Amino acid sequence: MKFIAEDSFHVAIGSRALALSRIEESQPWWRQGMGKVFNRIVKLLVIDDFSDTQCGFKLFVGDTARCLFSEARIDRFAYDVEILALAKKSGYRIAEVPIKWINSPGSKVDPVKDSLQMLKDLFRIRRSVGAVKMSRTPERPRRCTQPDNGA
């Protein structure tokens, strides 16, 4: 991806919500509705910079990924929000880029159980990372101390 290759950004995320994105096969109406509600809650509680945190397409500079994932604690569907909040709070530059989307009908999302878990995870993220609003971002990324792997 040119955004990462040119050293312009540390993280690139795909977004179905951008005007240049191509949706070739949409999600069912109920999944779209769940996504929109979740995104509004994300913007209210955690991070308000992005129009689509759950697309699934993420690209990282290697050191950035190692740093962020070593700090992350969420391992379900809301992990994207935690990673983006950690990245933004740490000062990493993030690009939201258009994508070509084709829905995969074999979804593993349980509308009730997973929605409740994701909401719970958002509160955990808010408690651990805080609210990361557009105007509260450091100008330079902080240095990450890599976990000691015994080497």
N, C-alpha and C. Protein backbone atom coordinates (compact mmCIF):
# COMPACT_ATOMS: atom_id res chain seq x y z
N MET A 1 0.82 -1.19 0.00
CA MET A 1 0.00 0.00 0.00
C MET A 1 0.86 1.24 0.00
N LYS A 2 0.54 2.15 -0.85
CA LYS A 2 1.37 3.33 -0.99
C LYS A 2 1.44 4.17 0.27
N PHE A 3 0.39 4.18 1.09
CA PHE A 3 0.38 4.99 2.31
C PHE A 3 1.47 4.54 3.28
N ILE A 4 1.65 3.24 3.39
CA ILE A 4 2.66 2.68 4.29
C ILE A 4 4.03 2.75 3.62
N ALA A 5 4.10 2.40 2.34
CA ALA A 5 5.37 2.35 1.62
C ALA A 5 6.05 3.71 1.57
N GLU A 6 5.31 4.77 1.50
CA GLU A 6 5.88 6.12 1.42
C GLU A 6 6.21 6.70 2.79
N ASP A 7 6.07 5.91 3.85
CA ASP A 7 6.31 6.38 5.21
C ASP A 7 5.39 7.52 5.61
N SER A 8 4.23 7.62 4.98
CA SER A 8 3.29 8.67 5.34
C SER A 8 2.49 8.30 6.58
N PHE A 9 2.18 7.02 6.73
CA PHE A 9 1.34 6.56 7.83
C PHE A 9 1.93 5.30 8.46
N HIS A 10 1.59 5.09 9.72
CA HIS A 10 1.99 3.88 10.43
C HIS A 10 0.96 2.78 10.30
N VAL A 11 -0.30 3.19 10.10
CA VAL A 11 -1.42 2.26 10.02
C VAL A 11 -2.34 2.71 8.89
N ALA A 12 -2.84 1.75 8.12
CA ALA A 12 -3.88 2.03 7.13
C ALA A 12 -5.05 1.11 7.42
N ILE A 13 -6.26 1.68 7.44
CA ILE A 13 -7.46 0.86 7.67
C ILE A 13 -8.41 1.04 6.49
N GLY A 14 -9.01 -0.06 6.08
CA GLY A 14 -10.00 0.00 5.01
C GLY A 14 -11.33 0.50 5.55
N SER A 15 -12.05 1.22 4.71
CA SER A 15 -13.35 1.76 5.12
C SER A 15 -14.38 1.57 4.01
N ARG A 16 -15.49 0.95 4.38
CA ARG A 16 -16.61 0.80 3.44
C ARG A 16 -17.39 2.10 3.30
N ALA A 17 -17.17 3.03 4.22
CA ALA A 17 -17.98 4.25 4.28
C ALA A 17 -17.44 5.40 3.42
N LEU A 18 -16.28 5.24 2.84
CA LEU A 18 -15.71 6.32 2.03
C LEU A 18 -16.33 6.34 0.64
N ALA A 19 -16.41 7.52 0.07
CA ALA A 19 -17.05 7.70 -1.24
C ALA A 19 -16.38 6.86 -2.34
N LEU A 20 -15.09 6.67 -2.28
CA LEU A 20 -14.39 5.91 -3.32
C LEU A 20 -14.43 4.39 -3.11
N SER A 21 -14.99 3.93 -2.00
CA SER A 21 -15.11 2.49 -1.77
C SER A 21 -16.15 1.90 -2.70
N ARG A 22 -15.92 0.65 -3.11
CA ARG A 22 -16.88 -0.05 -3.97
C ARG A 22 -17.47 -1.23 -3.20
N ILE A 23 -18.76 -1.18 -2.96
CA ILE A 23 -19.46 -2.27 -2.29
C ILE A 23 -20.10 -3.12 -3.37
N GLU A 24 -19.52 -4.29 -3.63
CA GLU A 24 -20.02 -5.15 -4.70
C GLU A 24 -21.13 -6.07 -4.22
N GLU A 25 -21.06 -6.47 -2.97
CA GLU A 25 -22.14 -7.26 -2.36
C GLU A 25 -22.29 -6.79 -0.92
N SER A 26 -23.41 -6.18 -0.62
CA SER A 26 -23.64 -5.58 0.69
C SER A 26 -23.92 -6.62 1.75
N GLN A 27 -23.72 -6.22 2.99
CA GLN A 27 -24.12 -7.04 4.13
C GLN A 27 -25.63 -7.00 4.23
N PRO A 28 -26.23 -7.98 4.93
CA PRO A 28 -27.69 -7.91 5.18
C PRO A 28 -28.02 -6.62 5.95
N TRP A 29 -29.27 -6.16 5.80
CA TRP A 29 -29.70 -4.91 6.42
C TRP A 29 -29.46 -4.88 7.92
N TRP A 30 -29.67 -6.01 8.59
CA TRP A 30 -29.51 -6.04 10.04
C TRP A 30 -28.04 -5.89 10.44
N ARG A 31 -27.11 -6.45 9.65
CA ARG A 31 -25.68 -6.28 9.93
C ARG A 31 -25.26 -4.84 9.68
N GLN A 32 -25.79 -4.22 8.63
CA GLN A 32 -25.47 -2.82 8.37
C GLN A 32 -25.96 -1.95 9.52
N GLY A 33 -27.17 -2.24 10.00
CA GLY A 33 -27.72 -1.49 11.12
C GLY A 33 -26.90 -1.66 12.38
N MET A 34 -26.50 -2.90 12.67
CA MET A 34 -25.65 -3.16 13.83
C MET A 34 -24.35 -2.37 13.73
N GLY A 35 -23.76 -2.35 12.53
CA GLY A 35 -22.50 -1.65 12.33
C GLY A 35 -22.63 -0.16 12.55
N LYS A 36 -23.73 0.42 12.07
CA LYS A 36 -23.93 1.86 12.23
C LYS A 36 -24.14 2.24 13.70
N VAL A 37 -24.92 1.43 14.41
CA VAL A 37 -25.13 1.69 15.84
C VAL A 37 -23.81 1.54 16.59
N PHE A 38 -23.07 0.47 16.30
CA PHE A 38 -21.79 0.25 16.97
C PHE A 38 -20.84 1.42 16.70
N ASN A 39 -20.78 1.88 15.46
CA ASN A 39 -19.90 2.98 15.11
C ASN A 39 -20.25 4.26 15.88
N ARG A 40 -21.53 4.52 16.06
CA ARG A 40 -21.94 5.70 16.84
C ARG A 40 -21.50 5.58 18.30
N ILE A 41 -21.61 4.38 18.84
CA ILE A 41 -21.18 4.16 20.23
C ILE A 41 -19.67 4.30 20.34
N VAL A 42 -18.93 3.77 19.36
CA VAL A 42 -17.47 3.91 19.33
C VAL A 42 -17.10 5.39 19.34
N LYS A 43 -17.76 6.18 18.49
CA LYS A 43 -17.45 7.61 18.41
C LYS A 43 -17.77 8.33 19.72
N LEU A 44 -18.82 7.92 20.38
CA LEU A 44 -19.22 8.54 21.64
C LEU A 44 -18.26 8.16 22.78
N LEU A 45 -17.88 6.90 22.87
CA LEU A 45 -17.12 6.41 24.02
C LEU A 45 -15.60 6.43 23.85
N VAL A 46 -15.11 6.17 22.63
CA VAL A 46 -13.67 5.90 22.51
C VAL A 46 -12.95 6.79 21.51
N ILE A 47 -13.28 6.67 20.24
CA ILE A 47 -12.51 7.36 19.21
C ILE A 47 -13.45 7.86 18.12
N ASP A 48 -13.30 9.12 17.74
CA ASP A 48 -14.27 9.70 16.81
C ASP A 48 -13.70 10.03 15.43
N ASP A 49 -12.53 9.54 15.12
CA ASP A 49 -11.86 9.90 13.87
C ASP A 49 -12.30 9.11 12.65
N PHE A 50 -12.85 7.93 12.82
CA PHE A 50 -13.01 7.00 11.70
C PHE A 50 -14.47 6.68 11.42
N SER A 51 -14.78 6.51 10.15
CA SER A 51 -16.16 6.21 9.76
C SER A 51 -16.44 4.71 9.73
N ASP A 52 -15.40 3.86 9.78
CA ASP A 52 -15.62 2.41 9.73
C ASP A 52 -14.46 1.71 10.43
N THR A 53 -14.63 1.39 11.70
CA THR A 53 -13.56 0.71 12.45
C THR A 53 -13.61 -0.80 12.28
N GLN A 54 -14.73 -1.34 11.80
CA GLN A 54 -14.94 -2.78 11.80
C GLN A 54 -14.79 -3.46 10.44
N CYS A 55 -14.30 -2.76 9.46
CA CYS A 55 -14.20 -3.32 8.11
C CYS A 55 -13.36 -4.59 8.08
N GLY A 56 -12.30 -4.62 8.86
CA GLY A 56 -11.44 -5.79 8.90
C GLY A 56 -10.13 -5.63 8.16
N PHE A 57 -10.05 -4.71 7.23
CA PHE A 57 -8.81 -4.48 6.50
C PHE A 57 -7.91 -3.55 7.31
N LYS A 58 -6.78 -4.06 7.76
CA LYS A 58 -5.82 -3.27 8.53
C LYS A 58 -4.42 -3.60 8.02
N LEU A 59 -3.58 -2.57 7.91
CA LEU A 59 -2.20 -2.74 7.49
C LEU A 59 -1.33 -1.89 8.40
N PHE A 60 -0.24 -2.48 8.91
CA PHE A 60 0.62 -1.82 9.87
C PHE A 60 2.07 -1.87 9.43
N VAL A 61 2.84 -0.86 9.80
CA VAL A 61 4.29 -0.97 9.78
C VAL A 61 4.62 -2.00 10.85
N GLY A 62 5.59 -2.87 10.59
CA GLY A 62 5.88 -3.99 11.48
C GLY A 62 6.09 -3.62 12.94
N ASP A 63 6.97 -2.65 13.20
CA ASP A 63 7.24 -2.25 14.59
C ASP A 63 6.01 -1.66 15.26
N THR A 64 5.22 -0.94 14.49
CA THR A 64 3.99 -0.35 15.01
C THR A 64 3.03 -1.46 15.45
N ALA A 65 2.87 -2.46 14.60
CA ALA A 65 1.98 -3.58 14.93
C ALA A 65 2.45 -4.31 16.18
N ARG A 66 3.74 -4.60 16.26
CA ARG A 66 4.27 -5.31 17.43
C ARG A 66 4.02 -4.52 18.71
N CYS A 67 4.23 -3.23 18.63
CA CYS A 67 4.01 -2.38 19.81
C CYS A 67 2.54 -2.38 20.22
N LEU A 68 1.66 -2.11 19.27
CA LEU A 68 0.23 -1.99 19.60
C LEU A 68 -0.36 -3.31 20.08
N PHE A 69 -0.05 -4.40 19.39
CA PHE A 69 -0.64 -5.68 19.78
C PHE A 69 -0.06 -6.21 21.08
N SER A 70 1.14 -5.77 21.45
CA SER A 70 1.68 -6.18 22.75
C SER A 70 0.93 -5.50 23.90
N GLU A 71 0.30 -4.35 23.62
CA GLU A 71 -0.45 -3.62 24.64
C GLU A 71 -1.93 -3.98 24.67
N ALA A 72 -2.43 -4.53 23.59
CA ALA A 72 -3.87 -4.79 23.46
C ALA A 72 -4.32 -5.90 24.40
N ARG A 73 -5.55 -5.79 24.86
CA ARG A 73 -6.14 -6.78 25.77
C ARG A 73 -7.43 -7.40 25.22
N ILE A 74 -8.05 -6.77 24.25
CA ILE A 74 -9.32 -7.26 23.69
C ILE A 74 -9.00 -8.25 22.57
N ASP A 75 -9.66 -9.40 22.59
CA ASP A 75 -9.36 -10.40 21.55
C ASP A 75 -10.60 -10.86 20.78
N ARG A 76 -11.65 -10.09 20.81
CA ARG A 76 -12.86 -10.42 20.06
C ARG A 76 -13.11 -9.34 19.03
N PHE A 77 -14.37 -9.16 18.63
CA PHE A 77 -14.70 -8.27 17.53
C PHE A 77 -14.34 -6.81 17.76
N ALA A 78 -14.21 -6.37 18.99
CA ALA A 78 -13.90 -4.96 19.26
C ALA A 78 -12.40 -4.69 19.33
N TYR A 79 -11.57 -5.69 19.00
CA TYR A 79 -10.13 -5.48 19.08
C TYR A 79 -9.69 -4.33 18.16
N ASP A 80 -10.39 -4.17 17.02
CA ASP A 80 -10.04 -3.10 16.06
C ASP A 80 -10.09 -1.74 16.74
N VAL A 81 -11.11 -1.53 17.54
CA VAL A 81 -11.29 -0.24 18.21
C VAL A 81 -10.16 -0.02 19.20
N GLU A 82 -9.80 -1.05 19.95
CA GLU A 82 -8.72 -0.91 20.92
C GLU A 82 -7.40 -0.58 20.22
N ILE A 83 -7.09 -1.29 19.14
CA ILE A 83 -5.84 -1.06 18.41
C ILE A 83 -5.81 0.37 17.86
N LEU A 84 -6.91 0.81 17.27
CA LEU A 84 -6.96 2.17 16.72
C LEU A 84 -6.85 3.23 17.82
N ALA A 85 -7.49 2.99 18.96
CA ALA A 85 -7.41 3.93 20.07
C ALA A 85 -5.98 4.00 20.62
N LEU A 86 -5.35 2.84 20.77
CA LEU A 86 -3.96 2.81 21.23
C LEU A 86 -3.05 3.53 20.24
N ALA A 87 -3.26 3.28 18.95
CA ALA A 87 -2.44 3.91 17.91
C ALA A 87 -2.61 5.43 17.93
N LYS A 88 -3.85 5.87 17.99
CA LYS A 88 -4.14 7.32 17.99
C LYS A 88 -3.57 7.98 19.24
N LYS A 89 -3.78 7.36 20.38
CA LYS A 89 -3.29 7.93 21.64
C LYS A 89 -1.77 7.99 21.65
N SER A 90 -1.13 7.03 21.00
CA SER A 90 0.33 6.98 20.96
C SER A 90 0.94 7.89 19.90
N GLY A 91 0.11 8.48 19.05
CA GLY A 91 0.61 9.41 18.07
C GLY A 91 0.93 8.81 16.71
N TYR A 92 0.55 7.57 16.49
CA TYR A 92 0.79 6.96 15.18
C TYR A 92 -0.16 7.59 14.15
N ARG A 93 0.33 7.79 12.94
CA ARG A 93 -0.50 8.34 11.87
C ARG A 93 -1.30 7.21 11.23
N ILE A 94 -2.61 7.43 11.09
CA ILE A 94 -3.53 6.41 10.59
C ILE A 94 -4.25 6.95 9.37
N ALA A 95 -4.26 6.16 8.30
CA ALA A 95 -4.98 6.53 7.08
C ALA A 95 -6.22 5.65 6.95
N GLU A 96 -7.35 6.26 6.65
CA GLU A 96 -8.57 5.51 6.35
C GLU A 96 -8.68 5.52 4.82
N VAL A 97 -8.67 4.32 4.22
CA VAL A 97 -8.58 4.22 2.77
C VAL A 97 -9.80 3.49 2.18
N PRO A 98 -10.18 3.84 0.96
CA PRO A 98 -11.31 3.15 0.31
C PRO A 98 -10.94 1.71 -0.05
N ILE A 99 -11.96 0.86 -0.09
CA ILE A 99 -11.73 -0.55 -0.40
C ILE A 99 -12.81 -1.06 -1.36
N LYS A 100 -12.58 -2.24 -1.86
CA LYS A 100 -13.60 -2.98 -2.61
C LYS A 100 -14.12 -4.05 -1.65
N TRP A 101 -15.43 -4.06 -1.42
CA TRP A 101 -16.04 -4.95 -0.41
C TRP A 101 -16.99 -5.93 -1.07
N ILE A 102 -16.81 -7.19 -0.72
CA ILE A 102 -17.77 -8.24 -1.10
C ILE A 102 -18.12 -8.97 0.18
N ASN A 103 -19.38 -8.91 0.58
CA ASN A 103 -19.81 -9.53 1.82
C ASN A 103 -19.57 -11.04 1.80
N SER A 104 -19.16 -11.56 2.94
CA SER A 104 -19.00 -13.00 3.13
C SER A 104 -20.20 -13.49 3.93
N PRO A 105 -21.08 -14.26 3.32
CA PRO A 105 -22.32 -14.65 4.01
C PRO A 105 -22.10 -15.58 5.20
N GLY A 106 -20.95 -16.18 5.35
CA GLY A 106 -20.69 -17.11 6.46
C GLY A 106 -20.28 -16.41 7.73
N SER A 107 -20.97 -15.34 8.12
CA SER A 107 -20.61 -14.55 9.29
C SER A 107 -20.71 -15.36 10.57
N LYS A 108 -19.80 -15.07 11.48
CA LYS A 108 -19.80 -15.74 12.78
C LYS A 108 -20.37 -14.83 13.88
N VAL A 109 -20.95 -13.71 13.49
CA VAL A 109 -21.48 -12.76 14.48
C VAL A 109 -22.85 -13.22 14.98
N ASP A 110 -22.97 -13.35 16.29
CA ASP A 110 -24.26 -13.60 16.92
C ASP A 110 -24.82 -12.24 17.30
N PRO A 111 -25.93 -11.82 16.70
CA PRO A 111 -26.43 -10.45 16.88
C PRO A 111 -26.64 -10.03 18.33
N VAL A 112 -27.07 -10.93 19.18
CA VAL A 112 -27.34 -10.57 20.58
C VAL A 112 -26.08 -10.74 21.43
N LYS A 113 -25.55 -11.95 21.47
CA LYS A 113 -24.41 -12.25 22.32
C LYS A 113 -23.19 -11.39 21.97
N ASP A 114 -22.84 -11.31 20.70
CA ASP A 114 -21.65 -10.56 20.30
C ASP A 114 -21.84 -9.06 20.46
N SER A 115 -23.05 -8.56 20.24
CA SER A 115 -23.31 -7.13 20.43
C SER A 115 -23.10 -6.74 21.89
N LEU A 116 -23.60 -7.56 22.80
CA LEU A 116 -23.41 -7.29 24.22
C LEU A 116 -21.94 -7.36 24.62
N GLN A 117 -21.23 -8.36 24.09
CA GLN A 117 -19.80 -8.49 24.38
C GLN A 117 -19.02 -7.30 23.84
N MET A 118 -19.37 -6.85 22.63
CA MET A 118 -18.68 -5.70 22.03
C MET A 118 -18.92 -4.43 22.84
N LEU A 119 -20.13 -4.25 23.33
CA LEU A 119 -20.44 -3.09 24.16
C LEU A 119 -19.62 -3.15 25.46
N LYS A 120 -19.57 -4.31 26.07
CA LYS A 120 -18.77 -4.49 27.28
C LYS A 120 -17.29 -4.19 26.99
N ASP A 121 -16.80 -4.66 25.83
CA ASP A 121 -15.41 -4.42 25.46
C ASP A 121 -15.14 -2.93 25.23
N LEU A 122 -16.11 -2.20 24.67
CA LEU A 122 -15.93 -0.76 24.48
C LEU A 122 -15.76 -0.05 25.83
N PHE A 123 -16.49 -0.47 26.83
CA PHE A 123 -16.33 0.13 28.15
C PHE A 123 -14.97 -0.24 28.74
N ARG A 124 -14.49 -1.46 28.48
CA ARG A 124 -13.15 -1.85 28.93
C ARG A 124 -12.09 -1.00 28.25
N ILE A 125 -12.26 -0.76 26.95
CA ILE A 125 -11.31 0.07 26.20
C ILE A 125 -11.33 1.49 26.74
N ARG A 126 -12.52 2.02 26.97
CA ARG A 126 -12.66 3.38 27.49
C ARG A 126 -11.94 3.50 28.83
N ARG A 127 -12.09 2.48 29.67
CA ARG A 127 -11.46 2.49 30.98
C ARG A 127 -9.94 2.38 30.88
N SER A 128 -9.43 1.54 29.97
CA SER A 128 -7.98 1.32 29.90
C SER A 128 -7.25 2.34 29.03
N VAL A 129 -7.85 2.74 27.91
CA VAL A 129 -7.18 3.66 26.98
C VAL A 129 -7.69 5.08 27.14
N GLY A 130 -8.98 5.21 27.44
CA GLY A 130 -9.59 6.52 27.56
C GLY A 130 -10.28 6.91 26.26
N ALA A 131 -10.83 8.10 26.24
CA ALA A 131 -11.45 8.63 25.02
C ALA A 131 -10.36 9.33 24.22
N VAL A 132 -10.22 8.96 22.97
CA VAL A 132 -9.18 9.51 22.11
C VAL A 132 -9.87 10.33 21.03
N LYS A 133 -10.02 11.60 21.28
CA LYS A 133 -10.72 12.47 20.34
C LYS A 133 -9.72 13.11 19.39
N MET A 134 -10.22 13.60 18.27
CA MET A 134 -9.35 14.13 17.21
C MET A 134 -8.34 15.15 17.70
N SER A 135 -8.72 16.01 18.58
CA SER A 135 -7.84 17.10 18.99
C SER A 135 -6.85 16.70 20.09
N ARG A 136 -6.91 15.49 20.56
CA ARG A 136 -6.06 15.08 21.68
C ARG A 136 -4.98 14.08 21.28
N THR A 137 -4.34 14.29 20.17
CA THR A 137 -3.35 13.35 19.68
C THR A 137 -1.96 13.97 19.71
N PRO A 138 -0.96 13.23 20.25
CA PRO A 138 0.40 13.77 20.24
C PRO A 138 0.89 13.95 18.80
N GLU A 139 1.82 14.88 18.62
CA GLU A 139 2.35 15.13 17.27
C GLU A 139 3.29 14.04 16.81
N ARG A 140 3.99 13.41 17.73
CA ARG A 140 4.93 12.35 17.37
C ARG A 140 4.56 11.08 18.11
N PRO A 141 4.78 9.93 17.46
CA PRO A 141 4.51 8.67 18.15
C PRO A 141 5.45 8.49 19.34
N ARG A 142 4.92 7.95 20.40
CA ARG A 142 5.77 7.65 21.54
C ARG A 142 6.60 6.42 21.23
N ARG A 143 7.66 6.25 21.95
CA ARG A 143 8.49 5.06 21.74
C ARG A 143 7.83 3.88 22.45
N CYS A 144 7.87 2.76 21.78
CA CYS A 144 7.30 1.56 22.36
C CYS A 144 8.42 0.72 22.94
N THR A 145 8.22 0.25 24.15
CA THR A 145 9.16 -0.69 24.70
C THR A 145 8.63 -2.09 24.41
N GLN A 146 9.38 -2.80 23.62
CA GLN A 146 8.98 -4.15 23.25
C GLN A 146 9.06 -5.06 24.47
N PRO A 147 8.10 -5.98 24.59
CA PRO A 147 8.16 -6.90 25.73
C PRO A 147 9.41 -7.76 25.64
N ASP A 148 9.98 -8.08 26.81
CA ASP A 148 11.16 -8.93 26.87
C ASP A 148 10.76 -10.35 26.50
N ASN A 149 11.36 -10.88 25.47
CA ASN A 149 11.00 -12.24 25.04
C ASN A 149 12.02 -13.26 25.52
N GLY A 150 12.84 -12.87 26.48
CA GLY A 150 13.80 -13.80 27.06
C GLY A 150 15.08 -13.94 26.27
N ALA A 151 15.23 -13.18 25.21
CA ALA A 151 16.42 -13.30 24.37
C ALA A 151 17.57 -12.49 24.92
